[in-house]
Protein backbone atom coordinates (compact mmCIF):
# COMPACT_ATOMS: atom_id res chain seq x y z
CA MET A 1 10.56 -11.90 -5.12
CA PHE A 2 8.43 -8.89 -4.20
CA GLU A 3 5.29 -10.60 -5.47
CA LYS A 4 5.89 -13.52 -3.09
CA SER A 5 6.45 -11.11 -0.22
CA ASN A 6 3.33 -9.21 -1.21
CA ALA A 7 1.28 -12.40 -1.20
CA SER A 8 2.44 -13.29 2.29
CA ASN A 9 2.04 -9.80 3.80
CA ALA A 10 0.24 -7.22 1.69
CA SER A 11 0.51 -4.62 4.46
CA TYR A 12 4.32 -4.57 4.56
CA VAL A 13 5.20 -1.02 3.51
CA PRO A 14 8.69 -1.65 2.04
CA THR A 15 7.31 -4.30 -0.30
CA GLN A 16 4.44 -2.08 -1.44
CA TYR A 17 6.83 0.81 -2.01
CA GLN A 18 9.20 -1.33 -4.10
CA LEU A 19 6.29 -2.68 -6.14
CA ALA A 20 5.14 0.91 -6.77
CA LYS A 21 8.67 1.80 -7.96
CA ILE A 22 8.71 -1.24 -10.25
CA SER A 23 5.31 -0.26 -11.67
CA MET A 24 6.59 3.26 -12.35
CA GLY A 25 9.67 1.85 -14.07
CA LYS A 26 7.46 -0.25 -16.32
CA GLY A 27 5.26 2.72 -17.13
CA ASN A 28 2.27 1.44 -15.16
CA THR A 29 1.43 4.71 -13.44
CA ASP A 30 -2.09 3.62 -12.46
CA ASP A 31 -0.78 0.68 -10.43
CA ALA A 32 1.97 2.83 -8.90
CA ALA A 33 -0.57 5.49 -7.92
CA THR A 34 -2.87 2.91 -6.34
CA ARG A 35 -0.02 1.39 -4.32
CA ILE A 36 1.20 4.81 -3.16
CA GLN A 37 -2.30 5.80 -2.13
CA ASN A 38 -2.64 2.56 -0.20
CA ILE A 39 0.68 3.13 1.58
CA LEU A 40 -0.19 6.68 2.58
CA THR A 41 -3.81 6.15 3.57
CA ARG A 42 -3.99 2.63 4.99
CA LEU A 43 -0.59 1.26 5.95
CA ASN A 44 0.74 3.92 8.35
CA PRO A 45 4.34 4.04 7.07
CA ASP A 46 7.23 5.29 9.18
CA ALA A 47 8.56 8.78 8.45
CA ASN A 48 11.14 7.57 5.91
CA PHE A 49 8.72 5.50 3.85
CA ARG A 50 6.10 8.25 4.10
CA GLN A 51 8.57 10.66 2.50
CA TYR A 52 9.74 8.11 -0.09
CA SER A 53 6.11 7.47 -1.01
CA ILE A 54 5.32 11.17 -1.28
CA ASP A 55 8.34 11.67 -3.53
CA LEU A 56 7.31 8.75 -5.73
CA GLY A 57 3.75 10.07 -5.74
CA ASN A 58 5.06 13.38 -7.06
CA GLN A 59 6.76 11.48 -9.89
CA VAL A 60 3.46 9.76 -10.69
CA TYR A 61 1.66 13.11 -10.61
CA ASN A 62 4.22 14.65 -12.97
CA LYS A 63 3.88 11.67 -15.32
CA TYR A 64 0.11 12.23 -15.48
CA ILE A 65 0.64 15.92 -16.23
CA VAL A 66 2.95 15.09 -19.16
CA GLU A 67 0.53 12.54 -20.61
C-alpha cells in the first residue's frame, strides 16, 4: 500500500515516514536513514512529522552505534 502511494507522490511526508519505519523494522537502517534525511532536508514536514522523523532518526543513529 505504501509503495503504491510512494509511486504516485514521492513527496508525501506521511508515506515517506511510514516507509522509513517499515525499513527500520526490517533492519534496513540505510534505507530508513536515507528516507529520514529526505524528509528533513527536502520535504518540509509539518512540526509533528518533523519531530517524528527526528525521533526515528535518533533510533537509526543508535542502531548504527550498536553495530
